[in-house]
Structure formats: C-alpha cells, structure tokens
PDB file of N, CA and C in Angstrom:
ATOM      1  N   UNK A   1      21.477 -65.970  35.618  1.00  0.00           N
ATOM      2  CA  UNK A   1      19.954 -66.069  35.185  1.00  0.00           C
ATOM      3  C   UNK A   1      20.530 -64.168  34.675  1.00  0.00           C
ATOM      4  N   UNK A   2      21.060 -62.891  35.520  1.00  0.00           N
ATOM      5  CA  UNK A   2      20.796 -61.663  34.989  1.00  0.00           C
ATOM      6  C   UNK A   2      22.507 -61.747  33.976  1.00  0.00           C
ATOM      7  N   UNK A   3      23.048 -63.058  33.465  1.00  0.00           N
ATOM      8  CA  UNK A   3      23.419 -62.500  32.151  1.00  0.00           C
ATOM      9  C   UNK A   3      22.583 -63.620  31.262  1.00  0.00           C
ATOM     10  N   UNK A   4      21.531 -63.751  31.307  1.00  0.00           N
ATOM     11  CA  UNK A   4      20.181 -64.503  30.190  1.00  0.00           C
ATOM     12  C   UNK A   4      19.839 -62.587  30.067  1.00  0.00           C
ATOM     13  N   UNK A   5      18.589 -62.952  31.420  1.00  0.00           N
ATOM     14  CA  UNK A   5      18.501 -60.996  31.240  1.00  0.00           C
ATOM     15  C   UNK A   5      19.365 -59.642  30.839  1.00  0.00           C
ATOM     16  N   UNK A   6      20.664 -59.834  30.500  1.00  0.00           N
ATOM     17  CA  UNK A   6      20.950 -58.679  29.701  1.00  0.00           C
ATOM     18  C   UNK A   6      21.334 -58.889  28.304  1.00  0.00           C
ATOM     19  N   UNK A   7      21.597 -60.242  28.413  1.00  0.00           N
ATOM     20  CA  UNK A   7      21.068 -60.655  26.926  1.00  0.00           C
ATOM     21  C   UNK A   7      20.102 -60.172  26.144  1.00  0.00           C
ATOM     22  N   UNK A   8      18.995 -60.977  26.769  1.00  0.00           N
ATOM     23  CA  UNK A   8      16.987 -60.319  25.989  1.00  0.00           C
ATOM     24  C   UNK A   8      16.964 -59.040  26.084  1.00  0.00           C
ATOM     25  N   UNK A   9      17.981 -58.461  27.125  1.00  0.00           N
ATOM     26  CA  UNK A   9      17.926 -57.042  27.396  1.00  0.00           C
ATOM     27  C   UNK A   9      18.535 -56.254  25.133  1.00  0.00           C
ATOM     28  N   UNK A  10      19.171 -56.399  25.308  1.00  0.00           N
ATOM     29  CA  UNK A  10      20.277 -56.142  24.357  1.00  0.00           C
ATOM     30  C   UNK A  10      18.844 -56.729  23.488  1.00  0.00           C
ATOM     31  N   UNK A  11      18.856 -57.505  23.334  1.00  0.00           N
ATOM     32  CA  UNK A  11      18.678 -58.769  22.129  1.00  0.00           C
ATOM     33  C   UNK A  11      17.055 -57.061  22.173  1.00  0.00           C
ATOM     34  N   UNK A  12      16.384 -57.557  22.652  1.00  0.00           N
ATOM     35  CA  UNK A  12      15.004 -56.344  23.107  1.00  0.00           C
ATOM     36  C   UNK A  12      15.459 -55.255  22.268  1.00  0.00           C
ATOM     37  N   UNK A  13      16.241 -54.594  21.978  1.00  0.00           N
ATOM     38  CA  UNK A  13      17.147 -53.069  22.061  1.00  0.00           C
ATOM     39  C   UNK A  13      16.950 -52.790  20.704  1.00  0.00           C
ATOM     40  N   UNK A  14      17.581 -54.125  19.620  1.00  0.00           N
ATOM     41  CA  UNK A  14      18.281 -54.306  18.524  1.00  0.00           C
ATOM     42  C   UNK A  14      17.179 -54.473  17.839  1.00  0.00           C
ATOM     43  N   UNK A  15      16.539 -55.309  18.623  1.00  0.00           N
ATOM     44  CA  UNK A  15      14.756 -55.664  17.642  1.00  0.00           C
ATOM     45  C   UNK A  15      14.737 -54.406  17.611  1.00  0.00           C
ATOM     46  N   UNK A  16      14.133 -53.123  19.044  1.00  0.00           N
ATOM     47  CA  UNK A  16      12.757 -52.205  18.714  1.00  0.00           C
ATOM     48  C   UNK A  16      13.512 -51.400  17.871  1.00  0.00           C
ATOM     49  N   UNK A  17      15.105 -50.744  17.487  1.00  0.00           N
ATOM     50  CA  UNK A  17      16.069 -49.846  16.721  1.00  0.00           C
ATOM     51  C   UNK A  17      15.924 -50.767  15.179  1.00  0.00           C
ATOM     52  N   UNK A  18      16.287 -52.297  15.220  1.00  0.00           N
ATOM     53  CA  UNK A  18      15.784 -52.668  13.358  1.00  0.00           C
ATOM     54  C   UNK A  18      14.721 -51.805  13.422  1.00  0.00           C
ATOM     55  N   UNK A  19      13.631 -52.291  14.072  1.00  0.00           N
ATOM     56  CA  UNK A  19      12.018 -52.408  13.976  1.00  0.00           C
ATOM     57  C   UNK A  19      12.168 -50.464  13.535  1.00  0.00           C
ATOM     58  N   UNK A  20      12.560 -49.162  14.388  1.00  0.00           N
ATOM     59  CA  UNK A  20      12.313 -47.876  13.911  1.00  0.00           C
ATOM     60  C   UNK A  20      13.492 -47.576  12.718  1.00  0.00           C
ATOM     61  N   UNK A  21      14.066 -48.109  12.752  1.00  0.00           N
ATOM     62  CA  UNK A  21      14.755 -47.934  10.928  1.00  0.00           C
ATOM     63  C   UNK A  21      13.944 -48.483   9.703  1.00  0.00           C
ATOM     64  N   UNK A  22      13.519 -49.541  10.370  1.00  0.00           N
ATOM     65  CA  UNK A  22      12.463 -49.562   8.338  1.00  0.00           C
ATOM     66  C   UNK A  22      11.804 -48.862   8.238  1.00  0.00           C
ATOM     67  N   UNK A  23      11.004 -48.377   9.357  1.00  0.00           N
ATOM     68  CA  UNK A  23       9.994 -47.247   9.627  1.00  0.00           C
ATOM     69  C   UNK A  23      10.526 -46.227   9.279  1.00  0.00           C
ATOM     70  N   UNK A  24      11.084 -45.931   9.815  1.00  0.00           N
ATOM     71  CA  UNK A  24      12.354 -44.241   9.186  1.00  0.00           C
ATOM     72  C   UNK A  24      12.578 -44.347   7.815  1.00  0.00           C
ATOM     73  N   UNK A  25      13.369 -45.896   7.880  1.00  0.00           N
ATOM     74  CA  UNK A  25      12.970 -46.011   5.794  1.00  0.00           C
ATOM     75  C   UNK A  25      12.518 -46.176   4.783  1.00  0.00           C
ATOM     76  N   UNK A  26      10.768 -46.855   5.340  1.00  0.00           N
ATOM     77  CA  UNK A  26      10.079 -46.789   4.682  1.00  0.00           C
ATOM     78  C   UNK A  26       9.365 -44.916   4.540  1.00  0.00           C
ATOM     79  N   UNK A  27       8.919 -44.247   5.763  1.00  0.00           N
ATOM     80  CA  UNK A  27       8.577 -43.456   5.007  1.00  0.00           C
ATOM     81  C   UNK A  27       9.885 -42.084   4.834  1.00  0.00           C
ATOM     82  N   UNK A  28      10.959 -42.224   4.590  1.00  0.00           N
ATOM     83  CA  UNK A  28      11.919 -41.290   3.276  1.00  0.00           C
ATOM     84  C   UNK A  28      11.649 -41.668   1.792  1.00  0.00           C
ATOM     85  N   UNK A  29      11.121 -43.865   2.109  1.00  0.00           N
ATOM     86  CA  UNK A  29      11.541 -43.588   0.691  1.00  0.00           C
ATOM     87  C   UNK A  29       9.769 -42.915  -0.076  1.00  0.00           C
ATOM     88  N   UNK A  30       8.620 -43.579   1.130  1.00  0.00           N
ATOM     89  CA  UNK A  30       7.453 -42.844   0.648  1.00  0.00           C
ATOM     90  C   UNK A  30       7.741 -41.276   0.124  1.00  0.00           C
ATOM     91  N   UNK A  31       8.434 -40.077   0.489  1.00  0.00           N
ATOM     92  CA  UNK A  31       8.340 -39.339   0.376  1.00  0.00           C
ATOM     93  C   UNK A  31       9.316 -38.717  -0.311  1.00  0.00           C
ATOM     94  N   UNK A  32      10.330 -39.241  -0.380  1.00  0.00           N
ATOM     95  CA  UNK A  32      11.817 -39.124  -1.768  1.00  0.00           C
ATOM     96  C   UNK A  32      11.227 -40.281  -3.162  1.00  0.00           C
ATOM     97  N   UNK A  33      10.477 -41.171  -3.028  1.00  0.00           N
ATOM     98  CA  UNK A  33       9.526 -41.410  -4.174  1.00  0.00           C
ATOM     99  C   UNK A  33       9.077 -40.780  -5.286  1.00  0.00           C
ATOM    100  N   UNK A  34       7.932 -39.512  -4.295  1.00  0.00           N
ATOM    101  CA  UNK A  34       6.644 -38.691  -4.931  1.00  0.00           C
ATOM    102  C   UNK A  34       7.153 -37.487  -5.406  1.00  0.00           C
ATOM    103  N   UNK A  35       6.904 -36.400  -6.586  1.00  0.00           N
ATOM    104  CA  UNK A  35       7.399 -35.399  -6.940  1.00  0.00           C
ATOM    105  C   UNK A  35       6.955 -34.598  -5.877  1.00  0.00           C
ATOM    106  N   UNK A  36       6.960 -33.639  -4.944  1.00  0.00           N
ATOM    107  CA  UNK A  36       5.357 -32.994  -4.269  1.00  0.00           C
ATOM    108  C   UNK A  36       5.488 -31.527  -6.051  1.00  0.00           C
ATOM    109  N   UNK A  37       6.400 -31.138  -6.310  1.00  0.00           N
ATOM    110  CA  UNK A  37       5.887 -30.299  -7.324  1.00  0.00           C
ATOM    111  C   UNK A  37       6.356 -30.779  -8.614  1.00  0.00           C
ATOM    112  N   UNK A  38       5.965 -31.114  -9.834  1.00  0.00           N
ATOM    113  CA  UNK A  38       6.254 -30.858 -11.454  1.00  0.00           C
ATOM    114  C   UNK A  38       7.160 -30.111 -11.735  1.00  0.00           C
ATOM    115  N   UNK A  39       7.986 -30.109 -12.195  1.00  0.00           N
ATOM    116  CA  UNK A  39       8.596 -28.160 -13.411  1.00  0.00           C
ATOM    117  C   UNK A  39       7.762 -28.111 -14.637  1.00  0.00           C
ATOM    118  N   UNK A  40       6.682 -29.802 -14.667  1.00  0.00           N
ATOM    119  CA  UNK A  40       5.831 -28.830 -16.123  1.00  0.00           C
ATOM    120  C   UNK A  40       4.561 -27.339 -15.274  1.00  0.00           C
ATOM    121  N   UNK A  41       4.243 -28.606 -14.087  1.00  0.00           N
ATOM    122  CA  UNK A  41       2.854 -27.682 -13.760  1.00  0.00           C
ATOM    123  C   UNK A  41       4.087 -26.513 -12.715  1.00  0.00           C
ATOM    124  N   UNK A  42       4.338 -26.020 -12.251  1.00  0.00           N
ATOM    125  CA  UNK A  42       5.687 -24.483 -11.950  1.00  0.00           C
ATOM    126  C   UNK A  42       5.069 -24.063 -13.176  1.00  0.00           C
ATOM    127  N   UNK A  43       6.082 -24.218 -14.641  1.00  0.00           N
ATOM    128  CA  UNK A  43       5.632 -23.434 -15.822  1.00  0.00           C
ATOM    129  C   UNK A  43       4.706 -23.090 -16.387  1.00  0.00           C
ATOM    130  N   UNK A  44       3.683 -23.925 -16.524  1.00  0.00           N
ATOM    131  CA  UNK A  44       2.490 -23.687 -17.127  1.00  0.00           C
ATOM    132  C   UNK A  44       1.939 -22.764 -16.104  1.00  0.00           C
ATOM    133  N   UNK A  45       2.072 -22.615 -14.692  1.00  0.00           N
ATOM    134  CA  UNK A  45       1.458 -22.091 -13.448  1.00  0.00           C
ATOM    135  C   UNK A  45       2.001 -20.327 -14.014  1.00  0.00           C
ATOM    136  N   UNK A  46       3.637 -20.852 -14.381  1.00  0.00           N
ATOM    137  CA  UNK A  46       3.471 -19.307 -14.554  1.00  0.00           C
ATOM    138  C   UNK A  46       3.312 -18.678 -15.144  1.00  0.00           C
ATOM    139  N   UNK A  47       3.606 -19.460 -16.451  1.00  0.00           N
ATOM    140  CA  UNK A  47       2.498 -19.041 -17.987  1.00  0.00           C
ATOM    141  C   UNK A  47       1.025 -18.811 -17.876  1.00  0.00           C
ATOM    142  N   UNK A  48       0.687 -18.948 -17.608  1.00  0.00           N
ATOM    143  CA  UNK A  48      -0.672 -18.217 -16.396  1.00  0.00           C
ATOM    144  C   UNK A  48       0.114 -17.044 -16.158  1.00  0.00           C
ATOM    145  N   UNK A  49       0.558 -16.936 -15.029  1.00  0.00           N
ATOM    146  CA  UNK A  49       0.185 -15.296 -14.532  1.00  0.00           C
ATOM    147  C   UNK A  49       1.143 -14.938 -15.434  1.00  0.00           C
ATOM    148  N   UNK A  50       1.299 -14.508 -16.409  1.00  0.00           N
ATOM    149  CA  UNK A  50       2.884 -13.879 -17.198  1.00  0.00           C
ATOM    150  C   UNK A  50       1.162 -13.943 -18.214  1.00  0.00           C
ATOM    151  N   UNK A  51       0.662 -14.511 -18.733  1.00  0.00           N
ATOM    152  CA  UNK A  51      -0.315 -13.905 -19.870  1.00  0.00           C
ATOM    153  C   UNK A  51      -1.722 -12.967 -19.052  1.00  0.00           C
ATOM    154  N   UNK A  52      -2.158 -13.458 -17.001  1.00  0.00           N
ATOM    155  CA  UNK A  52      -2.577 -12.103 -16.327  1.00  0.00           C
ATOM    156  C   UNK A  52      -2.368 -11.140 -16.746  1.00  0.00           C
ATOM    157  N   UNK A  53      -0.659 -11.178 -16.020  1.00  0.00           N
ATOM    158  CA  UNK A  53      -0.625 -10.541 -16.009  1.00  0.00           C
ATOM    159  C   UNK A  53      -0.010  -9.570 -17.205  1.00  0.00           C
ATOM    160  N   UNK A  54      -0.131  -9.360 -18.511  1.00  0.00           N
ATOM    161  CA  UNK A  54       0.133  -8.965 -19.577  1.00  0.00           C
ATOM    162  C   UNK A  54      -1.072  -8.523 -20.307  1.00  0.00           C
ATOM    163  N   UNK A  55      -1.586  -9.406 -20.108  1.00  0.00           N
ATOM    164  CA  UNK A  55      -3.530  -8.967 -19.994  1.00  0.00           C
ATOM    165  C   UNK A  55      -3.792  -7.235 -19.374  1.00  0.00           C
ATOM    166  N   UNK A  56      -3.683  -7.875 -17.995  1.00  0.00           N
ATOM    167  CA  UNK A  56      -3.673  -6.578 -16.959  1.00  0.00           C
ATOM    168  C   UNK A  56      -3.409  -5.490 -17.201  1.00  0.00           C
ATOM    169  N   UNK A  57      -1.936  -5.305 -17.735  1.00  0.00           N
ATOM    170  CA  UNK A  57      -1.041  -3.933 -18.960  1.00  0.00           C
ATOM    171  C   UNK A  57      -1.808  -3.637 -19.754  1.00  0.00           C
ATOM    172  N   UNK A  58      -1.752  -4.556 -20.576  1.00  0.00           N
ATOM    173  CA  UNK A  58      -2.470  -4.104 -21.521  1.00  0.00           C
ATOM    174  C   UNK A  58      -4.181  -2.847 -21.540  1.00  0.00           C
ATOM    175  N   UNK A  59      -5.175  -3.753 -20.466  1.00  0.00           N
ATOM    176  CA  UNK A  59      -6.060  -3.253 -20.098  1.00  0.00           C
ATOM    177  C   UNK A  59      -5.897  -1.826 -19.251  1.00  0.00           C
ATOM    178  N   UNK A  60      -4.894  -1.671 -18.631  1.00  0.00           N
ATOM    179  CA  UNK A  60      -4.641  -0.704 -17.873  1.00  0.00           C
ATOM    180  C   UNK A  60      -4.223   1.035 -19.269  1.00  0.00           C
ATOM    181  N   UNK A  61      -3.588  -0.006 -20.002  1.00  0.00           N
ATOM    182  CA  UNK A  61      -2.896   0.451 -21.055  1.00  0.00           C
ATOM    183  C   UNK A  61      -3.726   1.388 -21.994  1.00  0.00           C
ATOM    184  N   UNK A  62      -4.733   0.757 -22.368  1.00  0.00           N
ATOM    185  CA  UNK A  62      -5.730   0.733 -23.624  1.00  0.00           C
ATOM    186  C   UNK A  62      -6.972   1.964 -22.323  1.00  0.00           C
ATOM    187  N   UNK A  63      -6.995   1.631 -20.601  1.00  0.00           N
ATOM    188  CA  UNK A  63      -7.872   2.676 -19.939  1.00  0.00           C
ATOM    189  C   UNK A  63      -6.779   4.293 -20.844  1.00  0.00           C
ATOM    190  N   UNK A  64      -5.728   4.050 -20.304  1.00  0.00           N
ATOM    191  CA  UNK A  64      -4.935   5.381 -19.509  1.00  0.00           C
ATOM    192  C   UNK A  64      -5.052   6.606 -21.023  1.00  0.00           C
ATOM    193  N   UNK A  65      -5.168   5.632 -22.673  1.00  0.00           N
ATOM    194  CA  UNK A  65      -4.831   6.038 -23.636  1.00  0.00           C
ATOM    195  C   UNK A  65      -6.533   6.823 -23.926  1.00  0.00           C
ATOM    196  N   UNK A  66      -7.915   5.756 -23.285  1.00  0.00           N
ATOM    197  CA  UNK A  66      -9.362   6.429 -23.920  1.00  0.00           C
ATOM    198  C   UNK A  66      -9.077   7.671 -22.897  1.00  0.00           C
ATOM    199  N   UNK A  67      -8.276   7.486 -21.529  1.00  0.00           N
ATOM    200  CA  UNK A  67      -8.945   8.811 -20.223  1.00  0.00           C
ATOM    201  C   UNK A  67      -8.305  10.016 -21.144  1.00  0.00           C
ATOM    202  N   UNK A  68      -6.491   9.308 -21.151  1.00  0.00           N
ATOM    203  CA  UNK A  68      -6.131  10.618 -22.534  1.00  0.00           C
ATOM    204  C   UNK A  68      -6.897  11.501 -23.337  1.00  0.00           C
ATOM    205  N   UNK A  69      -7.621  10.668 -24.345  1.00  0.00           N
ATOM    206  CA  UNK A  69      -7.875  11.145 -25.760  1.00  0.00           C
ATOM    207  C   UNK A  69      -9.309  11.818 -24.720  1.00  0.00           C
ATOM    208  N   UNK A  70     -10.126  11.483 -23.639  1.00  0.00           N
ATOM    209  CA  UNK A  70     -11.420  11.803 -23.226  1.00  0.00           C
ATOM    210  C   UNK A  70     -10.664  13.563 -22.586  1.00  0.00           C
ATOM    211  N   UNK A  71      -9.334  13.266 -22.185  1.00  0.00           N
ATOM    212  CA  UNK A  71      -9.230  14.799 -21.619  1.00  0.00           C
ATOM    213  C   UNK A  71      -9.032  14.727 -20.604  1.00  0.00           C
ATOM    214  N   UNK A  72      -9.455  13.502 -19.139  1.00  0.00           N
ATOM    215  CA  UNK A  72      -8.659  13.404 -18.538  1.00  0.00           C
ATOM    216  C   UNK A  72      -7.383  14.047 -17.335  1.00  0.00           C
ATOM    217  N   UNK A  73      -6.637  13.757 -18.184  1.00  0.00           N
ATOM    218  CA  UNK A  73      -5.111  13.973 -17.517  1.00  0.00           C
ATOM    219  C   UNK A  73      -4.807  15.602 -18.865  1.00  0.00           C
ATOM    220  N   UNK A  74      -4.383  16.600 -18.209  1.00  0.00           N
ATOM    221  CA  UNK A  74      -3.741  16.989 -19.447  1.00  0.00           C
ATOM    222  C   UNK A  74      -2.781  17.350 -18.662  1.00  0.00           C
TER     223      UNK A  74
END
C-alpha cells in the first residue's frame, strides 16, 4: 500500500509540474509573440515631437525678433 501511495504521489507531482510548465510556456509565448512597441510607431512619435519642438523654437525666435524690433531688449 505504501509503494502505491508513493507512486501515486510522484505521478501527481509530475502531472502538476507538467501542467504548470505548460501554463508558463503558453504565457511566455503570448508575451513574446506580440510586439509591444513597434519601431515604426517610435519613429513616427519622434518625428512628431521633433516637429513640435521645431515649431516651438521658430515661434520663440519670431517672438524674440519682434521684441527686439519694438525695443524691449536694450
């Protein structure tokens, strides 16, 4: 009877280990299978930010020139 219980316990542990391993493997495949951030999205985002800062710099420059023309800076 003790031998039977030892074999049953070992089989149960093996089955549980295999099941957990399969679950972890499935989660890993799901996470690794999808690109979280695509390179194209990053490039477009950087391009938009560069345009924003370029426009911001242009507006500051034009404002500075206007203030110089009006004589605010001496």
